[in-house]
Amino acid sequence: MNKYYVKSGNLQVIILGEDERDAIARALEYSTSTGCKDSPSVTLDDFFYANERGFSSMDESDFRMNTEEVILDLMDWEWEE
């Protein structure tokens, strides 16, 4: 597993993951868990961003994933057209 920096809104998490998508899912699960006191109120943007370089180097060229897609993935729901 690799170390990823995941950011969306006021959420900033450094977490291990198989890939960027896995790291984003793990970061959201961690931030919304009842045991997490670091982020009592999470505000998300339209996209999640993830990289292996750090928050200060994060920009639009990094891996990004739509927040709705992240939430649907976590709930095992599928997009409907």
Protein backbone atom coordinates (compact mmCIF):
# COMPACT_ATOMS: atom_id res chain seq x y z
CA MET A 1 0.00 0.00 0.00
CA ASN A 2 1.09 3.54 -0.74
CA LYS A 3 0.71 6.73 1.30
CA TYR A 4 -1.77 9.19 -0.22
CA TYR A 5 -2.75 12.75 0.55
CA VAL A 6 -6.51 13.16 0.12
CA LYS A 7 -8.30 16.50 0.10
CA SER A 8 -11.85 17.77 -0.40
CA GLY A 9 -13.25 20.88 1.25
CA ASN A 10 -11.94 21.06 4.81
CA LEU A 11 -11.06 17.35 4.75
CA GLN A 12 -7.32 16.64 4.55
CA VAL A 13 -6.22 13.11 5.37
CA ILE A 14 -2.94 11.24 4.93
CA ILE A 15 -3.84 7.59 4.50
CA LEU A 16 -2.65 4.27 3.06
CA GLY A 17 -4.42 2.84 0.04
CA GLU A 18 -4.07 0.40 -2.85
CA ASP A 19 -4.56 3.29 -5.30
CA GLU A 20 -5.99 6.82 -5.32
CA ARG A 21 -9.61 5.63 -5.48
CA ASP A 22 -9.10 3.30 -2.50
CA ALA A 23 -7.35 6.05 -0.54
CA ILE A 24 -10.25 8.45 -1.13
CA ALA A 25 -12.78 5.89 0.07
CA ARG A 26 -10.71 5.11 3.15
CA ALA A 27 -10.23 8.82 3.92
CA LEU A 28 -13.97 9.49 3.78
CA GLU A 29 -14.74 6.43 5.90
CA TYR A 30 -12.12 7.51 8.45
CA SER A 31 -13.34 11.11 8.61
CA THR A 32 -16.95 10.12 9.16
CA SER A 33 -16.26 7.36 11.69
CA THR A 34 -17.47 7.96 15.23
CA GLY A 35 -13.95 7.51 16.58
CA CYS A 36 -12.50 10.37 14.54
CA LYS A 37 -12.20 13.49 16.67
CA ASP A 38 -9.94 15.32 14.17
CA SER A 39 -12.84 16.34 11.89
CA PRO A 40 -16.02 16.91 13.88
CA SER A 41 -17.65 18.72 10.95
CA VAL A 42 -16.63 17.69 7.44
CA THR A 43 -17.42 19.96 4.49
CA LEU A 44 -16.74 18.47 1.05
CA ASP A 45 -16.16 20.13 -2.32
CA ASP A 46 -17.48 18.79 -5.62
CA PHE A 47 -14.32 16.70 -6.08
CA PHE A 48 -11.81 14.71 -4.04
CA TYR A 49 -8.14 15.09 -4.96
CA ALA A 50 -5.40 12.57 -4.20
CA ASN A 51 -1.67 12.36 -4.78
CA GLU A 52 1.49 10.90 -3.26
CA ARG A 53 3.41 14.20 -3.13
CA GLY A 54 1.63 16.20 -0.43
CA PHE A 55 -1.05 18.81 0.11
CA SER A 56 1.14 21.76 -0.87
CA SER A 57 1.77 20.31 -4.33
CA MET A 58 -1.89 19.40 -4.97
CA ASP A 59 -3.45 20.92 -8.08
CA GLU A 60 -5.97 20.23 -10.87
CA SER A 61 -3.61 17.76 -12.59
CA ASP A 62 -3.83 15.29 -9.67
CA PHE A 63 -6.20 12.35 -9.58
CA ARG A 64 -9.68 13.64 -8.90
CA MET A 65 -12.98 11.94 -8.28
CA ASN A 66 -16.49 13.39 -8.15
CA THR A 67 -17.79 13.45 -4.57
CA GLU A 68 -21.14 11.93 -5.59
CA GLU A 69 -19.30 9.02 -7.19
CA VAL A 70 -17.27 8.46 -4.02
CA ILE A 71 -20.39 8.35 -1.85
CA LEU A 72 -22.24 6.04 -4.26
CA ASP A 73 -19.22 3.71 -4.36
CA LEU A 74 -19.14 3.51 -0.56
CA MET A 75 -22.83 2.63 -0.49
CA ASP A 76 -22.43 0.08 -3.32
CA TRP A 77 -24.99 1.95 -5.40
CA GLU A 78 -24.70 2.34 -9.17
CA TRP A 79 -25.26 5.41 -11.33
CA GLU A 80 -28.58 5.51 -13.14
CA GLU A 81 -28.94 7.44 -16.36
